[in-house]
Amino acid sequence: MDWLKHIYALFDDSISGTFLPGDYRQANKATTVLDTGLPPTNSTLGEVVKGDQSIALAFRLEKSSQHFGASNDPIKFHFLRAALMTKHVLPGSVLLWQICPETTKPNEQGVPNTTSCIASDFFPVPPQSATRSFVWATWKPANVVEIKANQTYWVVLSSDAKRDEDALIWIDSDKGSDPWGTAFSNEDNKWIRDRDGSLSVPSIRILLH
């Protein structure tokens, strides 16, 4: 992917955002907009994330949401929590979280537009848990990210791994779903809409406030 050409320069100059395992601070003040569910205990099944394959999940805030419908205050992305298996990742590897709008191109509808992302943060890949097959990792964007109602957004996860055996794995939930769909990018940097809620999807929880 194009971001790999610049990842090391950006990573050396700026470590941004907050990326902590199991960070649920202030969760009681936020509203969950997408929760695909927990993974099975000690699962190792999930989506390969590497340099030529990113994974994306869509989310959307409906205007009728009881939590935000009566307020005129801006709606902001609070944080996400995801299950990642990192035990095969090489030392010094990095990952990239992004929030992107959905593309409006007629021939590419229903996938993320990664050329117009509204948040992008690089991080070192978190160390593997000593007690389970995956680690809970949390991302809170470095900058304030406003979310508009009735618009579809995509959370995108990328990494700099070059081989499957060194890749990050985004662990699947236990029979969860994403009603707005998932997508993956291929070696040609093209996005392909993957699932529409009928199959298991990566484990993620997204909160707004």
C-alpha atoms as a PDB file:
ATOM      1  CA  MET A   1       0.000   0.000   0.000  1.00  0.00           C
ATOM      2  CA  ASP A   2       1.076   3.597  -0.559  1.00  0.00           C
ATOM      3  CA  TRP A   3       1.353   4.389   3.163  1.00  0.00           C
ATOM      4  CA  LEU A   4       4.152   1.852   3.536  1.00  0.00           C
ATOM      5  CA  LYS A   5       6.462   4.133   1.530  1.00  0.00           C
ATOM      6  CA  HIS A   6       6.236   6.745   4.268  1.00  0.00           C
ATOM      7  CA  ILE A   7       5.526   4.731   7.393  1.00  0.00           C
ATOM      8  CA  TYR A   8       8.992   4.766   8.944  1.00  0.00           C
ATOM      9  CA  ALA A   9       9.540   8.509   8.504  1.00  0.00           C
ATOM     10  CA  LEU A  10       6.142   9.247   9.992  1.00  0.00           C
ATOM     11  CA  PHE A  11       6.607   6.733  12.782  1.00  0.00           C
ATOM     12  CA  ASP A  12       9.988   8.199  13.793  1.00  0.00           C
ATOM     13  CA  ASP A  13       8.619  11.735  13.934  1.00  0.00           C
ATOM     14  CA  SER A  14       5.224  11.246  15.537  1.00  0.00           C
ATOM     15  CA  ILE A  15       3.759   8.665  17.873  1.00  0.00           C
ATOM     16  CA  SER A  16       0.203   9.878  18.226  1.00  0.00           C
ATOM     17  CA  GLY A  17      -3.076   8.869  19.786  1.00  0.00           C
ATOM     18  CA  THR A  18      -3.650   6.532  22.699  1.00  0.00           C
ATOM     19  CA  PHE A  19      -3.252   2.775  22.331  1.00  0.00           C
ATOM     20  CA  LEU A  20      -3.727   0.910  25.595  1.00  0.00           C
ATOM     21  CA  PRO A  21      -4.863  -2.645  26.338  1.00  0.00           C
ATOM     22  CA  GLY A  22      -8.387  -2.838  27.690  1.00  0.00           C
ATOM     23  CA  ASP A  23      -8.880   0.911  28.104  1.00  0.00           C
ATOM     24  CA  TYR A  24     -12.495   1.486  29.141  1.00  0.00           C
ATOM     25  CA  ARG A  25     -12.037   4.828  30.889  1.00  0.00           C
ATOM     26  CA  GLN A  26     -15.097   7.058  30.574  1.00  0.00           C
ATOM     27  CA  ALA A  27     -16.949   4.309  28.697  1.00  0.00           C
ATOM     28  CA  ASN A  28     -19.994   5.045  30.852  1.00  0.00           C
ATOM     29  CA  LYS A  29     -20.215   8.469  29.156  1.00  0.00           C
ATOM     30  CA  ALA A  30     -20.140   7.005  25.646  1.00  0.00           C
ATOM     31  CA  THR A  31     -22.515   5.101  23.376  1.00  0.00           C
ATOM     32  CA  THR A  32     -21.633   1.944  21.493  1.00  0.00           C
ATOM     33  CA  VAL A  33     -22.299   2.352  17.768  1.00  0.00           C
ATOM     34  CA  LEU A  34     -20.871  -1.025  16.709  1.00  0.00           C
ATOM     35  CA  ASP A  35     -20.161  -4.141  18.768  1.00  0.00           C
ATOM     36  CA  THR A  36     -19.472  -7.328  16.814  1.00  0.00           C
ATOM     37  CA  GLY A  37     -19.043  -9.365  19.986  1.00  0.00           C
ATOM     38  CA  LEU A  38     -16.287 -11.143  21.870  1.00  0.00           C
ATOM     39  CA  PRO A  39     -14.063 -13.784  20.300  1.00  0.00           C
ATOM     40  CA  PRO A  40     -14.235 -17.418  21.431  1.00  0.00           C
ATOM     41  CA  THR A  41     -11.884 -18.135  24.335  1.00  0.00           C
ATOM     42  CA  ASN A  42      -8.257 -18.342  23.142  1.00  0.00           C
ATOM     43  CA  SER A  43      -9.286 -18.224  19.486  1.00  0.00           C
ATOM     44  CA  THR A  44      -6.600 -17.863  16.819  1.00  0.00           C
ATOM     45  CA  LEU A  45      -9.011 -17.488  13.897  1.00  0.00           C
ATOM     46  CA  GLY A  46      -9.247 -14.121  12.201  1.00  0.00           C
ATOM     47  CA  GLU A  47      -8.239 -11.841   9.355  1.00  0.00           C
ATOM     48  CA  VAL A  48      -4.633 -11.505   8.175  1.00  0.00           C
ATOM     49  CA  VAL A  49      -3.435  -7.872   8.248  1.00  0.00           C
ATOM     50  CA  LYS A  50      -0.251  -7.129   6.302  1.00  0.00           C
ATOM     51  CA  GLY A  51       1.226  -4.653   3.849  1.00  0.00           C
ATOM     52  CA  ASP A  52      -0.859  -5.774   0.889  1.00  0.00           C
ATOM     53  CA  GLN A  53      -4.041  -6.607   2.814  1.00  0.00           C
ATOM     54  CA  SER A  54      -5.845  -4.178   5.090  1.00  0.00           C
ATOM     55  CA  ILE A  55      -9.128  -4.982   6.824  1.00  0.00           C
ATOM     56  CA  ALA A  56     -12.034  -2.554   7.265  1.00  0.00           C
ATOM     57  CA  LEU A  57     -15.324  -2.574   9.165  1.00  0.00           C
ATOM     58  CA  ALA A  58     -18.110  -0.085   8.570  1.00  0.00           C
ATOM     59  CA  PHE A  59     -20.176   1.752  11.172  1.00  0.00           C
ATOM     60  CA  ARG A  60     -22.978   4.280  11.064  1.00  0.00           C
ATOM     61  CA  LEU A  61     -24.820   6.446  13.566  1.00  0.00           C
ATOM     62  CA  GLU A  62     -28.507   6.662  12.812  1.00  0.00           C
ATOM     63  CA  LYS A  63     -29.985  10.103  13.391  1.00  0.00           C
ATOM     64  CA  SER A  64     -32.772   8.607  15.476  1.00  0.00           C
ATOM     65  CA  SER A  65     -30.316   7.330  18.107  1.00  0.00           C
ATOM     66  CA  GLN A  66     -31.875   7.919  21.530  1.00  0.00           C
ATOM     67  CA  HIS A  67     -28.523   8.978  22.921  1.00  0.00           C
ATOM     68  CA  PHE A  68     -27.812  11.769  20.439  1.00  0.00           C
ATOM     69  CA  GLY A  69     -31.133  12.662  18.818  1.00  0.00           C
ATOM     70  CA  ALA A  70     -31.990  15.531  21.175  1.00  0.00           C
ATOM     71  CA  SER A  71     -28.561  17.123  21.307  1.00  0.00           C
ATOM     72  CA  ASN A  72     -27.038  19.712  18.985  1.00  0.00           C
ATOM     73  CA  ASP A  73     -23.520  19.072  20.279  1.00  0.00           C
ATOM     74  CA  PRO A  74     -21.030  17.539  17.832  1.00  0.00           C
ATOM     75  CA  ILE A  75     -20.856  13.740  17.963  1.00  0.00           C
ATOM     76  CA  LYS A  76     -17.287  12.544  18.391  1.00  0.00           C
ATOM     77  CA  PHE A  77     -15.461   9.269  17.957  1.00  0.00           C
ATOM     78  CA  HIS A  78     -14.416   8.187  21.449  1.00  0.00           C
ATOM     79  CA  PHE A  79     -12.399   4.984  21.085  1.00  0.00           C
ATOM     80  CA  LEU A  80     -12.416   1.458  19.704  1.00  0.00           C
ATOM     81  CA  ARG A  81     -11.378  -1.829  21.247  1.00  0.00           C
ATOM     82  CA  ALA A  82     -10.227  -4.777  19.118  1.00  0.00           C
ATOM     83  CA  ALA A  83      -8.878  -8.300  19.624  1.00  0.00           C
ATOM     84  CA  LEU A  84      -5.472  -8.753  17.935  1.00  0.00           C
ATOM     85  CA  MET A  85      -3.125 -11.739  17.803  1.00  0.00           C
ATOM     86  CA  THR A  86       0.429 -10.452  17.604  1.00  0.00           C
ATOM     87  CA  LYS A  87       2.633 -13.401  18.585  1.00  0.00           C
ATOM     88  CA  HIS A  88       4.051 -13.887  15.060  1.00  0.00           C
ATOM     89  CA  VAL A  89       4.744 -10.198  14.389  1.00  0.00           C
ATOM     90  CA  LEU A  90       8.390  -9.219  13.959  1.00  0.00           C
ATOM     91  CA  PRO A  91       9.993  -6.863  16.523  1.00  0.00           C
ATOM     92  CA  GLY A  92       9.676  -3.219  15.530  1.00  0.00           C
ATOM     93  CA  SER A  93       6.566  -3.756  13.428  1.00  0.00           C
ATOM     94  CA  VAL A  94       3.925  -1.037  13.287  1.00  0.00           C
ATOM     95  CA  LEU A  95       0.241  -0.833  12.551  1.00  0.00           C
ATOM     96  CA  LEU A  96      -2.040   1.914  11.293  1.00  0.00           C
ATOM     97  CA  TRP A  97      -5.584   2.682  12.438  1.00  0.00           C
ATOM     98  CA  GLN A  98      -7.734   4.937  10.246  1.00  0.00           C
ATOM     99  CA  ILE A  99     -11.276   6.284  10.106  1.00  0.00           C
ATOM    100  CA  CYS A 100     -12.389   6.922   6.541  1.00  0.00           C
ATOM    101  CA  PRO A 101     -15.607   7.910   4.763  1.00  0.00           C
ATOM    102  CA  GLU A 102     -17.279   5.593   2.322  1.00  0.00           C
ATOM    103  CA  THR A 103     -16.314   6.133  -1.289  1.00  0.00           C
ATOM    104  CA  THR A 104     -18.814   7.844  -3.574  1.00  0.00           C
ATOM    105  CA  LYS A 105     -17.348   6.509  -6.818  1.00  0.00           C
ATOM    106  CA  PRO A 106     -20.092   4.696  -8.762  1.00  0.00           C
ATOM    107  CA  ASN A 107     -17.879   1.680  -9.514  1.00  0.00           C
ATOM    108  CA  GLU A 108     -16.516   1.367  -5.955  1.00  0.00           C
ATOM    109  CA  GLN A 109     -19.550   1.840  -3.731  1.00  0.00           C
ATOM    110  CA  GLY A 110     -19.699   0.195  -0.335  1.00  0.00           C
ATOM    111  CA  VAL A 111     -15.970   0.342   0.472  1.00  0.00           C
ATOM    112  CA  PRO A 112     -13.726   2.829   2.346  1.00  0.00           C
ATOM    113  CA  ASN A 113     -12.189   5.857   0.678  1.00  0.00           C
ATOM    114  CA  THR A 114      -8.686   5.718   2.162  1.00  0.00           C
ATOM    115  CA  THR A 115      -7.569   8.815   0.252  1.00  0.00           C
ATOM    116  CA  SER A 116      -9.824  11.015   2.433  1.00  0.00           C
ATOM    117  CA  CYS A 117      -9.463   9.561   5.930  1.00  0.00           C
ATOM    118  CA  ILE A 118     -10.426  11.808   8.830  1.00  0.00           C
ATOM    119  CA  ALA A 119      -8.089  10.092  11.336  1.00  0.00           C
ATOM    120  CA  SER A 120      -4.817   8.164  10.922  1.00  0.00           C
ATOM    121  CA  ASP A 121      -2.501   7.045  13.727  1.00  0.00           C
ATOM    122  CA  PHE A 122       0.569   4.774  13.635  1.00  0.00           C
ATOM    123  CA  PHE A 123       1.522   2.553  16.583  1.00  0.00           C
ATOM    124  CA  PRO A 124       3.986  -0.145  17.534  1.00  0.00           C
ATOM    125  CA  VAL A 125       2.262  -3.523  17.372  1.00  0.00           C
ATOM    126  CA  PRO A 126       1.256  -4.328  20.982  1.00  0.00           C
ATOM    127  CA  PRO A 127       2.987  -7.275  22.672  1.00  0.00           C
ATOM    128  CA  GLN A 128       1.195 -10.592  22.760  1.00  0.00           C
ATOM    129  CA  SER A 129      -0.713 -11.493  25.912  1.00  0.00           C
ATOM    130  CA  ALA A 130       1.031 -13.980  28.172  1.00  0.00           C
ATOM    131  CA  THR A 131      -2.242 -15.626  29.206  1.00  0.00           C
ATOM    132  CA  ARG A 132      -4.413 -15.712  26.078  1.00  0.00           C
ATOM    133  CA  SER A 133      -4.126 -16.095  22.318  1.00  0.00           C
ATOM    134  CA  PHE A 134      -4.897 -12.433  21.618  1.00  0.00           C
ATOM    135  CA  VAL A 135      -4.465  -9.028  23.211  1.00  0.00           C
ATOM    136  CA  TRP A 136      -7.177  -6.429  23.758  1.00  0.00           C
ATOM    137  CA  ALA A 137      -6.014  -3.191  22.180  1.00  0.00           C
ATOM    138  CA  THR A 138      -7.669   0.230  22.330  1.00  0.00           C
ATOM    139  CA  TRP A 139      -7.302   3.168  19.987  1.00  0.00           C
ATOM    140  CA  LYS A 140      -8.362   6.698  20.834  1.00  0.00           C
ATOM    141  CA  PRO A 141      -7.483   9.070  17.955  1.00  0.00           C
ATOM    142  CA  ALA A 142      -4.899  11.756  18.679  1.00  0.00           C
ATOM    143  CA  ASN A 143      -7.212  14.466  17.316  1.00  0.00           C
ATOM    144  CA  VAL A 144     -10.917  15.087  17.789  1.00  0.00           C
ATOM    145  CA  VAL A 145     -12.928  13.228  15.135  1.00  0.00           C
ATOM    146  CA  GLU A 146     -16.494  14.401  14.511  1.00  0.00           C
ATOM    147  CA  ILE A 147     -18.986  11.821  13.257  1.00  0.00           C
ATOM    148  CA  LYS A 148     -22.026  12.910  11.247  1.00  0.00           C
ATOM    149  CA  ALA A 149     -25.303  11.069  11.628  1.00  0.00           C
ATOM    150  CA  ASN A 150     -26.617   8.970   8.730  1.00  0.00           C
ATOM    151  CA  GLN A 151     -23.205   8.685   7.094  1.00  0.00           C
ATOM    152  CA  THR A 152     -21.235   5.471   6.780  1.00  0.00           C
ATOM    153  CA  TYR A 153     -17.656   5.421   8.043  1.00  0.00           C
ATOM    154  CA  TRP A 154     -14.992   2.729   7.939  1.00  0.00           C
ATOM    155  CA  VAL A 155     -12.424   1.735  10.547  1.00  0.00           C
ATOM    156  CA  VAL A 156      -9.363   0.454   8.681  1.00  0.00           C
ATOM    157  CA  LEU A 157      -6.495  -1.586  10.145  1.00  0.00           C
ATOM    158  CA  SER A 158      -3.188  -1.935   8.245  1.00  0.00           C
ATOM    159  CA  SER A 159       0.282  -3.207   9.120  1.00  0.00           C
ATOM    160  CA  ASP A 160       3.760  -3.275   7.614  1.00  0.00           C
ATOM    161  CA  ALA A 161       4.157  -7.088   7.631  1.00  0.00           C
ATOM    162  CA  LYS A 162       5.397  -8.443   4.315  1.00  0.00           C
ATOM    163  CA  ARG A 163       4.606 -12.144   4.828  1.00  0.00           C
ATOM    164  CA  ASP A 164       1.590 -14.080   6.099  1.00  0.00           C
ATOM    165  CA  GLU A 165       3.721 -15.786   8.736  1.00  0.00           C
ATOM    166  CA  ASP A 166       4.711 -12.383  10.207  1.00  0.00           C
ATOM    167  CA  ALA A 167       1.265 -10.833   9.948  1.00  0.00           C
ATOM    168  CA  LEU A 168      -1.008  -9.380  12.560  1.00  0.00           C
ATOM    169  CA  ILE A 169      -4.301 -11.286  12.992  1.00  0.00           C
ATOM    170  CA  TRP A 170      -7.524  -9.433  13.767  1.00  0.00           C
ATOM    171  CA  ILE A 171      -9.402 -12.111  15.714  1.00  0.00           C
ATOM    172  CA  ASP A 172     -12.961 -12.903  14.624  1.00  0.00           C
ATOM    173  CA  SER A 173     -15.867 -12.507  16.990  1.00  0.00           C
ATOM    174  CA  ASP A 174     -17.978 -15.461  18.049  1.00  0.00           C
ATOM    175  CA  LYS A 175     -20.774 -15.438  15.459  1.00  0.00           C
ATOM    176  CA  GLY A 176     -20.933 -11.635  15.490  1.00  0.00           C
ATOM    177  CA  SER A 177     -21.912  -9.441  12.559  1.00  0.00           C
ATOM    178  CA  ASP A 178     -21.531  -5.957  11.105  1.00  0.00           C
ATOM    179  CA  PRO A 179     -24.799  -4.803   9.488  1.00  0.00           C
ATOM    180  CA  TRP A 180     -22.927  -2.205   7.406  1.00  0.00           C
ATOM    181  CA  GLY A 181     -20.414  -4.657   5.977  1.00  0.00           C
ATOM    182  CA  THR A 182     -16.679  -5.389   5.937  1.00  0.00           C
ATOM    183  CA  ALA A 183     -14.034  -5.074   3.235  1.00  0.00           C
ATOM    184  CA  PHE A 184     -10.410  -5.946   2.502  1.00  0.00           C
ATOM    185  CA  SER A 185      -7.764  -4.522   0.197  1.00  0.00           C
ATOM    186  CA  ASN A 186      -5.728  -6.699  -2.177  1.00  0.00           C
ATOM    187  CA  GLU A 187      -2.202  -6.500  -3.551  1.00  0.00           C
ATOM    188  CA  ASP A 188      -3.388  -4.047  -6.225  1.00  0.00           C
ATOM    189  CA  ASN A 189      -4.562  -1.646  -3.505  1.00  0.00           C
ATOM    190  CA  LYS A 190      -8.193  -2.224  -4.518  1.00  0.00           C
ATOM    191  CA  TRP A 191     -10.931  -2.552  -1.927  1.00  0.00           C
ATOM    192  CA  ILE A 192     -13.308  -5.497  -2.103  1.00  0.00           C
ATOM    193  CA  ARG A 193     -16.542  -5.595  -0.134  1.00  0.00           C
ATOM    194  CA  ASP A 194     -16.350  -8.822   1.801  1.00  0.00           C
ATOM    195  CA  ARG A 195     -19.257  -9.475   4.117  1.00  0.00           C
ATOM    196  CA  ASP A 196     -22.705  -8.082   4.793  1.00  0.00           C
ATOM    197  CA  GLY A 197     -23.419  -9.390   8.247  1.00  0.00           C
ATOM    198  CA  SER A 198     -24.012 -13.052   7.392  1.00  0.00           C
ATOM    199  CA  LEU A 199     -20.584 -14.381   8.433  1.00  0.00           C
ATOM    200  CA  SER A 200     -18.316 -13.902  11.435  1.00  0.00           C
ATOM    201  CA  VAL A 201     -16.410 -10.625  11.419  1.00  0.00           C
ATOM    202  CA  PRO A 202     -13.445  -9.259  13.411  1.00  0.00           C
ATOM    203  CA  SER A 203     -14.118  -8.491  17.071  1.00  0.00           C
ATOM    204  CA  ILE A 204     -14.470  -4.751  17.631  1.00  0.00           C
ATOM    205  CA  ARG A 205     -16.376  -2.314  19.805  1.00  0.00           C
ATOM    206  CA  ILE A 206     -16.707   1.332  18.697  1.00  0.00           C
ATOM    207  CA  LEU A 207     -17.894   4.071  21.044  1.00  0.00           C
ATOM    208  CA  LEU A 208     -18.997   7.642  20.345  1.00  0.00           C
ATOM    209  CA  HIS A 209     -19.648  10.470  22.778  1.00  0.00           C
END
